[in-house]
């Protein structure tokens, strides 16, 4: 019998994709459009799980090293983002070209910005040691470095 935590993780990954496939908005859509959109939904689900892996919330659910899985999920997100762009390109090369030169609607521009952020994150993660960044440099804020509530109230944070 699977652990309840694994059921929740599976739901986090499968439910958004399944709901999008069952959506009446998919009727009449081209195959490559559906593949591209589905890859984007899977990428967002993986990003949520990847972020959760760096928190103490999943301790006890996973028996493996969460940081190793965090790194693997980061590479998986990058791959799925590439599949997302490729699927949308196969559906409509002109729309992807418009998005890449930022001549598309706002949601497309945000998607391009997000894809560049993923690419930059992967590049920084792969070059972290070469750049001399330590593990603590890599972290922005962790539970071990709690932000003081008095500084937050005084407006200096």
N, C-alpha and C. Protein backbone atom coordinates (compact mmCIF):
# COMPACT_ATOMS: atom_id res chain seq x y z
N UNK A 1 0.84 -1.18 0.00
CA UNK A 1 0.00 0.00 0.00
C UNK A 1 0.89 1.25 0.00
N UNK A 2 0.63 2.19 -0.90
CA UNK A 2 1.48 3.38 -0.97
C UNK A 2 1.27 4.28 0.24
N UNK A 3 2.33 5.01 0.58
CA UNK A 3 2.25 5.96 1.68
C UNK A 3 1.36 7.14 1.26
N UNK A 4 0.63 7.75 2.22
CA UNK A 4 -0.23 8.89 1.88
C UNK A 4 0.53 10.05 1.25
N UNK A 5 1.77 10.26 1.67
CA UNK A 5 2.57 11.34 1.10
C UNK A 5 2.84 11.14 -0.38
N UNK A 6 3.11 9.89 -0.76
CA UNK A 6 3.35 9.60 -2.17
C UNK A 6 2.09 9.79 -2.98
N UNK A 7 0.95 9.50 -2.39
CA UNK A 7 -0.32 9.72 -3.09
C UNK A 7 -0.51 11.21 -3.36
N UNK A 8 -0.19 12.04 -2.37
CA UNK A 8 -0.30 13.49 -2.56
C UNK A 8 0.67 14.01 -3.62
N UNK A 9 1.89 13.50 -3.60
CA UNK A 9 2.87 13.92 -4.61
C UNK A 9 2.40 13.50 -6.00
N UNK A 10 1.88 12.30 -6.12
CA UNK A 10 1.36 11.82 -7.41
C UNK A 10 0.20 12.68 -7.87
N UNK A 11 -0.70 13.02 -6.95
CA UNK A 11 -1.82 13.90 -7.30
C UNK A 11 -1.33 15.27 -7.75
N UNK A 12 -0.30 15.79 -7.08
CA UNK A 12 0.26 17.08 -7.46
C UNK A 12 0.76 17.06 -8.90
N UNK A 13 1.34 15.93 -9.30
CA UNK A 13 1.90 15.84 -10.64
C UNK A 13 0.87 15.44 -11.70
N UNK A 14 -0.06 14.57 -11.35
CA UNK A 14 -0.97 14.00 -12.35
C UNK A 14 -2.27 14.80 -12.49
N UNK A 15 -2.80 15.33 -11.41
CA UNK A 15 -4.11 15.98 -11.45
C UNK A 15 -4.17 17.17 -12.42
N UNK A 16 -3.22 18.11 -12.39
CA UNK A 16 -3.33 19.23 -13.35
C UNK A 16 -3.29 18.78 -14.81
N UNK A 17 -2.42 17.82 -15.11
CA UNK A 17 -2.33 17.33 -16.49
C UNK A 17 -3.61 16.60 -16.89
N UNK A 18 -4.14 15.78 -16.00
CA UNK A 18 -5.37 15.05 -16.31
C UNK A 18 -6.54 16.00 -16.49
N UNK A 19 -6.64 17.00 -15.62
CA UNK A 19 -7.73 17.96 -15.74
C UNK A 19 -7.63 18.76 -17.04
N UNK A 20 -6.42 19.08 -17.45
CA UNK A 20 -6.28 19.83 -18.70
C UNK A 20 -6.64 18.97 -19.90
N UNK A 21 -6.31 17.69 -19.85
CA UNK A 21 -6.67 16.80 -20.96
C UNK A 21 -8.18 16.58 -21.05
N UNK A 22 -8.86 16.62 -19.91
CA UNK A 22 -10.30 16.42 -19.89
C UNK A 22 -11.09 17.71 -20.14
N UNK A 23 -10.39 18.82 -20.26
CA UNK A 23 -11.05 20.11 -20.44
C UNK A 23 -11.76 20.18 -21.79
N UNK A 24 -12.96 20.75 -21.82
CA UNK A 24 -13.65 20.92 -23.10
C UNK A 24 -12.94 21.93 -24.01
N UNK A 25 -12.02 22.71 -23.47
CA UNK A 25 -11.26 23.66 -24.28
C UNK A 25 -10.28 22.95 -25.22
N UNK A 26 -10.00 21.68 -24.96
CA UNK A 26 -9.07 20.92 -25.81
C UNK A 26 -9.73 20.38 -27.08
N UNK A 27 -11.04 20.39 -27.12
CA UNK A 27 -11.75 19.85 -28.27
C UNK A 27 -11.40 20.67 -29.51
N UNK A 28 -10.97 19.97 -30.55
CA UNK A 28 -10.64 20.63 -31.80
C UNK A 28 -9.24 21.19 -31.87
N UNK A 29 -8.48 21.06 -30.81
CA UNK A 29 -7.10 21.58 -30.82
C UNK A 29 -6.20 20.62 -31.59
N UNK A 30 -5.17 21.18 -32.19
CA UNK A 30 -4.17 20.40 -32.90
C UNK A 30 -3.36 19.57 -31.90
N UNK A 31 -2.88 18.42 -32.35
CA UNK A 31 -2.12 17.52 -31.48
C UNK A 31 -0.91 18.22 -30.87
N UNK A 32 -0.14 18.96 -31.67
CA UNK A 32 1.07 19.60 -31.17
C UNK A 32 0.75 20.71 -30.18
N UNK A 33 -0.39 21.37 -30.34
CA UNK A 33 -0.79 22.40 -29.38
C UNK A 33 -1.05 21.74 -28.03
N UNK A 34 -1.74 20.62 -28.04
CA UNK A 34 -2.05 19.90 -26.80
C UNK A 34 -0.77 19.40 -26.14
N UNK A 35 0.15 18.86 -26.94
CA UNK A 35 1.42 18.37 -26.39
C UNK A 35 2.21 19.52 -25.76
N UNK A 36 2.26 20.66 -26.47
CA UNK A 36 2.98 21.81 -25.93
C UNK A 36 2.36 22.34 -24.65
N UNK A 37 1.05 22.46 -24.65
CA UNK A 37 0.36 22.95 -23.45
C UNK A 37 0.52 21.98 -22.29
N UNK A 38 0.41 20.69 -22.57
CA UNK A 38 0.56 19.68 -21.53
C UNK A 38 1.98 19.70 -20.95
N UNK A 39 2.98 19.91 -21.80
CA UNK A 39 4.36 20.01 -21.30
C UNK A 39 4.51 21.21 -20.37
N UNK A 40 3.85 22.33 -20.69
CA UNK A 40 3.91 23.48 -19.80
C UNK A 40 3.27 23.20 -18.45
N UNK A 41 2.16 22.49 -18.46
CA UNK A 41 1.47 22.15 -17.21
C UNK A 41 2.33 21.21 -16.38
N UNK A 42 2.94 20.21 -17.02
CA UNK A 42 3.82 19.29 -16.30
C UNK A 42 5.02 20.04 -15.73
N UNK A 43 5.57 20.99 -16.49
CA UNK A 43 6.71 21.77 -16.00
C UNK A 43 6.33 22.55 -14.74
N UNK A 44 5.16 23.17 -14.75
CA UNK A 44 4.74 23.92 -13.56
C UNK A 44 4.55 23.00 -12.36
N UNK A 45 3.99 21.82 -12.58
CA UNK A 45 3.82 20.86 -11.48
C UNK A 45 5.17 20.41 -10.93
N UNK A 46 6.13 20.18 -11.83
CA UNK A 46 7.47 19.77 -11.39
C UNK A 46 8.17 20.89 -10.62
N UNK A 47 7.96 22.13 -11.03
CA UNK A 47 8.56 23.26 -10.31
C UNK A 47 8.03 23.32 -8.88
N UNK A 48 6.74 23.12 -8.71
CA UNK A 48 6.17 23.14 -7.36
C UNK A 48 6.80 22.04 -6.51
N UNK A 49 6.90 20.84 -7.07
CA UNK A 49 7.51 19.75 -6.32
C UNK A 49 8.98 20.02 -6.05
N UNK A 50 9.68 20.59 -7.00
CA UNK A 50 11.10 20.88 -6.81
C UNK A 50 11.31 21.88 -5.67
N UNK A 51 10.47 22.89 -5.61
CA UNK A 51 10.58 23.87 -4.53
C UNK A 51 10.27 23.22 -3.19
N UNK A 52 9.26 22.35 -3.16
CA UNK A 52 8.91 21.67 -1.91
C UNK A 52 10.01 20.76 -1.41
N UNK A 53 10.84 20.24 -2.32
CA UNK A 53 11.91 19.34 -1.91
C UNK A 53 12.97 20.03 -1.05
N UNK A 54 13.09 21.33 -1.15
CA UNK A 54 14.08 22.05 -0.35
C UNK A 54 13.53 22.46 1.01
N UNK A 55 12.30 22.13 1.28
CA UNK A 55 11.67 22.48 2.56
C UNK A 55 11.58 21.25 3.44
N UNK A 56 11.36 21.43 4.73
CA UNK A 56 11.22 20.26 5.62
C UNK A 56 9.85 19.58 5.51
N UNK A 57 8.95 20.05 4.66
CA UNK A 57 7.61 19.50 4.59
C UNK A 57 7.57 18.08 4.05
N UNK A 58 8.54 17.70 3.25
CA UNK A 58 8.52 16.37 2.65
C UNK A 58 9.39 15.36 3.38
N UNK A 59 9.99 15.78 4.50
CA UNK A 59 10.79 14.84 5.28
C UNK A 59 9.86 13.77 5.83
N UNK A 60 10.24 12.54 5.72
CA UNK A 60 9.40 11.44 6.16
C UNK A 60 8.63 10.82 5.01
N UNK A 61 8.36 11.58 3.97
CA UNK A 61 7.67 11.02 2.81
C UNK A 61 8.69 10.36 1.89
N UNK A 62 9.79 11.04 1.67
CA UNK A 62 10.82 10.54 0.77
C UNK A 62 11.91 9.85 1.56
N UNK A 63 12.33 8.69 1.10
CA UNK A 63 13.40 7.97 1.78
C UNK A 63 14.76 8.28 1.19
N UNK A 64 14.79 9.03 0.11
CA UNK A 64 16.03 9.33 -0.58
C UNK A 64 16.50 10.74 -0.28
N UNK A 65 17.65 11.09 -0.77
CA UNK A 65 18.17 12.44 -0.59
C UNK A 65 17.32 13.43 -1.37
N UNK A 66 16.72 14.37 -0.66
CA UNK A 66 15.84 15.32 -1.35
C UNK A 66 16.64 16.28 -2.22
N UNK A 67 17.89 16.58 -1.86
CA UNK A 67 18.67 17.48 -2.69
C UNK A 67 19.04 16.84 -4.02
N UNK A 68 19.34 15.55 -4.01
CA UNK A 68 19.63 14.85 -5.27
C UNK A 68 18.38 14.86 -6.16
N UNK A 69 17.24 14.59 -5.56
CA UNK A 69 16.00 14.61 -6.32
C UNK A 69 15.67 16.03 -6.78
N UNK A 70 15.98 17.03 -5.96
CA UNK A 70 15.78 18.43 -6.32
C UNK A 70 16.58 18.77 -7.57
N UNK A 71 17.83 18.33 -7.62
CA UNK A 71 18.67 18.59 -8.80
C UNK A 71 18.14 17.87 -10.03
N UNK A 72 17.74 16.63 -9.88
CA UNK A 72 17.20 15.88 -11.01
C UNK A 72 15.90 16.51 -11.53
N UNK A 73 15.07 16.97 -10.61
CA UNK A 73 13.84 17.63 -11.03
C UNK A 73 14.13 18.95 -11.74
N UNK A 74 15.18 19.64 -11.33
CA UNK A 74 15.57 20.87 -12.02
C UNK A 74 15.92 20.60 -13.47
N UNK A 75 16.67 19.53 -13.71
CA UNK A 75 16.99 19.16 -15.09
C UNK A 75 15.75 18.69 -15.84
N UNK A 76 14.86 17.98 -15.14
CA UNK A 76 13.61 17.54 -15.78
C UNK A 76 12.75 18.74 -16.16
N UNK A 77 12.70 19.74 -15.30
CA UNK A 77 11.93 20.96 -15.62
C UNK A 77 12.50 21.61 -16.87
N UNK A 78 13.82 21.71 -16.94
CA UNK A 78 14.44 22.31 -18.13
C UNK A 78 14.09 21.52 -19.38
N UNK A 79 14.11 20.21 -19.30
CA UNK A 79 13.75 19.37 -20.45
C UNK A 79 12.29 19.53 -20.85
N UNK A 80 11.41 19.61 -19.88
CA UNK A 80 9.99 19.75 -20.17
C UNK A 80 9.69 21.14 -20.73
N UNK A 81 10.40 22.16 -20.26
CA UNK A 81 10.23 23.50 -20.83
C UNK A 81 10.65 23.50 -22.30
N UNK A 82 11.74 22.81 -22.61
CA UNK A 82 12.15 22.69 -24.01
C UNK A 82 11.08 21.96 -24.82
N UNK A 83 10.52 20.88 -24.26
CA UNK A 83 9.44 20.16 -24.94
C UNK A 83 8.21 21.05 -25.14
N UNK A 84 7.93 21.90 -24.15
CA UNK A 84 6.81 22.84 -24.24
C UNK A 84 7.00 23.80 -25.42
N UNK A 85 8.17 24.40 -25.50
CA UNK A 85 8.45 25.35 -26.58
C UNK A 85 8.46 24.62 -27.92
N UNK A 86 9.05 23.44 -27.97
CA UNK A 86 9.10 22.67 -29.22
C UNK A 86 7.71 22.27 -29.68
N UNK A 87 6.86 21.82 -28.75
CA UNK A 87 5.48 21.46 -29.11
C UNK A 87 4.71 22.65 -29.65
N UNK A 88 4.86 23.80 -29.01
CA UNK A 88 4.18 25.00 -29.50
C UNK A 88 4.77 25.47 -30.82
N UNK A 89 6.09 25.27 -31.01
CA UNK A 89 6.72 25.64 -32.28
C UNK A 89 6.20 24.76 -33.42
N UNK A 90 6.04 23.46 -33.15
CA UNK A 90 5.52 22.56 -34.18
C UNK A 90 4.08 22.91 -34.54
N UNK A 91 3.35 23.46 -33.59
CA UNK A 91 1.97 23.87 -33.85
C UNK A 91 1.94 25.17 -34.64
N UNK A 92 2.71 26.14 -34.22
CA UNK A 92 2.67 27.45 -34.88
C UNK A 92 4.03 28.15 -34.75
N UNK A 93 4.92 27.94 -35.73
CA UNK A 93 6.24 28.58 -35.67
C UNK A 93 6.17 30.10 -35.61
N UNK A 94 5.19 30.69 -36.27
CA UNK A 94 5.07 32.15 -36.26
C UNK A 94 4.78 32.69 -34.87
N UNK A 95 3.91 32.00 -34.13
CA UNK A 95 3.59 32.46 -32.77
C UNK A 95 4.81 32.38 -31.85
N UNK A 96 5.59 31.31 -31.99
CA UNK A 96 6.78 31.17 -31.16
C UNK A 96 7.80 32.24 -31.54
N UNK A 97 7.95 32.52 -32.82
CA UNK A 97 8.87 33.57 -33.25
C UNK A 97 8.44 34.93 -32.70
N UNK A 98 7.14 35.21 -32.75
CA UNK A 98 6.63 36.45 -32.17
C UNK A 98 6.92 36.54 -30.68
N UNK A 99 6.74 35.41 -29.99
CA UNK A 99 6.98 35.41 -28.54
C UNK A 99 8.46 35.65 -28.24
N UNK A 100 9.35 35.04 -29.02
CA UNK A 100 10.77 35.18 -28.74
C UNK A 100 11.29 36.59 -28.99
N UNK A 101 10.66 37.34 -29.88
CA UNK A 101 11.07 38.74 -30.10
C UNK A 101 10.20 39.70 -29.28
N UNK A 102 9.42 39.12 -28.37
CA UNK A 102 8.58 39.87 -27.43
C UNK A 102 7.53 40.74 -28.13
N UNK A 103 7.02 40.26 -29.26
CA UNK A 103 5.98 40.97 -29.98
C UNK A 103 4.64 40.26 -29.84
N UNK A 104 4.50 39.45 -28.82
CA UNK A 104 3.30 38.65 -28.60
C UNK A 104 2.54 39.19 -27.39
N UNK A 105 1.36 38.63 -27.11
CA UNK A 105 0.60 39.07 -25.92
C UNK A 105 1.39 38.85 -24.63
N UNK A 106 0.93 39.48 -23.57
CA UNK A 106 1.62 39.47 -22.29
C UNK A 106 1.91 38.07 -21.79
N UNK A 107 0.94 37.14 -21.89
CA UNK A 107 1.17 35.80 -21.34
C UNK A 107 2.31 35.10 -22.09
N UNK A 108 2.47 35.38 -23.37
CA UNK A 108 3.58 34.80 -24.12
C UNK A 108 4.90 35.40 -23.68
N UNK A 109 4.91 36.70 -23.45
CA UNK A 109 6.14 37.35 -22.98
C UNK A 109 6.55 36.83 -21.61
N UNK A 110 5.57 36.59 -20.75
CA UNK A 110 5.88 36.03 -19.43
C UNK A 110 6.42 34.61 -19.55
N UNK A 111 5.89 33.86 -20.52
CA UNK A 111 6.41 32.51 -20.77
C UNK A 111 7.84 32.53 -21.24
N UNK A 112 8.18 33.47 -22.12
CA UNK A 112 9.56 33.61 -22.59
C UNK A 112 10.46 33.99 -21.42
N UNK A 113 10.03 34.92 -20.60
CA UNK A 113 10.80 35.32 -19.42
C UNK A 113 11.01 34.13 -18.49
N UNK A 114 9.98 33.34 -18.29
CA UNK A 114 10.09 32.15 -17.42
C UNK A 114 11.06 31.14 -18.00
N UNK A 115 10.99 30.93 -19.30
CA UNK A 115 11.91 29.98 -19.94
C UNK A 115 13.36 30.44 -19.79
N UNK A 116 13.61 31.74 -19.95
CA UNK A 116 14.96 32.27 -19.76
C UNK A 116 15.41 32.12 -18.30
N UNK A 117 14.49 32.29 -17.37
CA UNK A 117 14.82 32.11 -15.94
C UNK A 117 15.22 30.67 -15.65
N UNK A 118 14.48 29.73 -16.24
CA UNK A 118 14.82 28.31 -16.06
C UNK A 118 16.20 28.04 -16.65
N UNK A 119 16.46 28.55 -17.85
CA UNK A 119 17.77 28.35 -18.49
C UNK A 119 18.89 28.95 -17.64
N UNK A 120 18.68 30.15 -17.12
CA UNK A 120 19.68 30.79 -16.27
C UNK A 120 19.89 30.01 -14.98
N UNK A 121 18.83 29.51 -14.39
CA UNK A 121 18.95 28.72 -13.16
C UNK A 121 19.76 27.45 -13.39
N UNK A 122 19.51 26.77 -14.50
CA UNK A 122 20.26 25.56 -14.81
C UNK A 122 21.73 25.90 -15.05
N UNK A 123 21.98 26.98 -15.80
CA UNK A 123 23.36 27.38 -16.08
C UNK A 123 24.09 27.73 -14.78
N UNK A 124 23.44 28.46 -13.89
CA UNK A 124 24.07 28.81 -12.61
C UNK A 124 24.30 27.58 -11.74
N UNK A 125 23.34 26.68 -11.74
CA UNK A 125 23.49 25.46 -10.93
C UNK A 125 24.64 24.61 -11.45
N UNK A 126 24.77 24.51 -12.77
CA UNK A 126 25.85 23.71 -13.32
C UNK A 126 27.22 24.37 -13.13
N UNK A 127 27.25 25.70 -13.07
CA UNK A 127 28.51 26.43 -12.92
C UNK A 127 28.75 26.91 -11.50
N UNK A 128 27.96 26.46 -10.55
CA UNK A 128 28.05 26.96 -9.18
C UNK A 128 29.45 26.80 -8.58
N UNK A 129 30.02 25.63 -8.70
CA UNK A 129 31.35 25.40 -8.11
C UNK A 129 32.43 26.17 -8.87
N UNK A 130 32.31 26.22 -10.19
CA UNK A 130 33.29 26.94 -10.99
C UNK A 130 33.28 28.44 -10.67
N UNK A 131 32.10 28.95 -10.33
CA UNK A 131 31.98 30.37 -9.97
C UNK A 131 32.39 30.64 -8.54
N UNK A 132 32.65 29.58 -7.77
CA UNK A 132 33.08 29.74 -6.39
C UNK A 132 31.94 30.00 -5.42
N UNK A 133 30.72 29.66 -5.82
CA UNK A 133 29.58 29.86 -4.93
C UNK A 133 29.47 28.68 -3.97
N UNK A 134 29.43 28.98 -2.69
CA UNK A 134 29.26 27.93 -1.70
C UNK A 134 27.77 27.61 -1.57
N UNK A 135 27.48 26.55 -0.85
CA UNK A 135 26.09 26.17 -0.65
C UNK A 135 25.30 27.29 0.03
N UNK A 136 25.93 27.95 1.01
CA UNK A 136 25.22 29.03 1.71
C UNK A 136 25.06 30.26 0.81
N UNK A 137 26.00 30.48 -0.11
CA UNK A 137 25.83 31.57 -1.08
C UNK A 137 24.64 31.29 -1.99
N UNK A 138 24.46 30.03 -2.31
CA UNK A 138 23.41 29.62 -3.23
C UNK A 138 22.02 29.82 -2.64
N UNK A 139 21.93 29.71 -1.33
CA UNK A 139 20.63 29.86 -0.68
C UNK A 139 20.29 31.34 -0.52
N UNK A 140 19.05 31.67 -0.75
CA UNK A 140 18.60 33.05 -0.56
C UNK A 140 18.13 33.24 0.87
N UNK A 141 17.25 32.39 1.31
CA UNK A 141 16.76 32.45 2.69
C UNK A 141 16.33 31.05 3.09
N UNK A 142 16.75 30.60 4.23
CA UNK A 142 16.39 29.26 4.69
C UNK A 142 15.81 29.36 6.09
N UNK A 143 15.17 28.29 6.55
CA UNK A 143 14.65 28.30 7.92
C UNK A 143 15.75 28.47 8.97
N UNK A 144 17.01 28.16 8.61
CA UNK A 144 18.10 28.35 9.58
C UNK A 144 18.46 29.83 9.73
N UNK A 145 18.04 30.65 8.77
CA UNK A 145 18.28 32.08 8.82
C UNK A 145 16.96 32.81 8.89
N UNK A 146 16.27 32.70 10.01
CA UNK A 146 14.94 33.33 10.06
C UNK A 146 15.04 34.85 10.03
N UNK A 147 14.11 35.44 9.32
CA UNK A 147 14.05 36.90 9.26
C UNK A 147 13.44 37.39 10.57
N UNK A 148 14.05 38.37 11.14
CA UNK A 148 13.59 38.90 12.42
C UNK A 148 12.27 39.64 12.24
N UNK A 149 11.32 39.32 13.09
CA UNK A 149 10.01 39.99 12.98
C UNK A 149 10.12 41.44 13.42
N UNK A 150 11.09 41.79 14.29
CA UNK A 150 11.22 43.18 14.71
C UNK A 150 11.73 44.03 13.54
N UNK A 151 12.63 43.50 12.71
CA UNK A 151 13.09 44.26 11.56
C UNK A 151 11.98 44.37 10.52
N UNK A 152 11.17 43.34 10.43
CA UNK A 152 10.07 43.39 9.47
C UNK A 152 9.08 44.46 9.86
N UNK A 153 8.80 44.60 11.17
CA UNK A 153 7.85 45.60 11.63
C UNK A 153 8.40 47.02 11.48
N UNK A 154 9.70 47.17 11.65
CA UNK A 154 10.27 48.52 11.58
C UNK A 154 10.48 48.98 10.16
N UNK A 155 10.31 48.09 9.20
CA UNK A 155 10.41 48.47 7.80
C UNK A 155 11.83 48.46 7.27
N UNK A 156 12.79 47.88 7.99
CA UNK A 156 14.15 47.85 7.49
C UNK A 156 14.45 46.60 6.70
N UNK A 157 13.53 45.69 6.61
CA UNK A 157 13.77 44.46 5.88
C UNK A 157 13.19 44.51 4.51
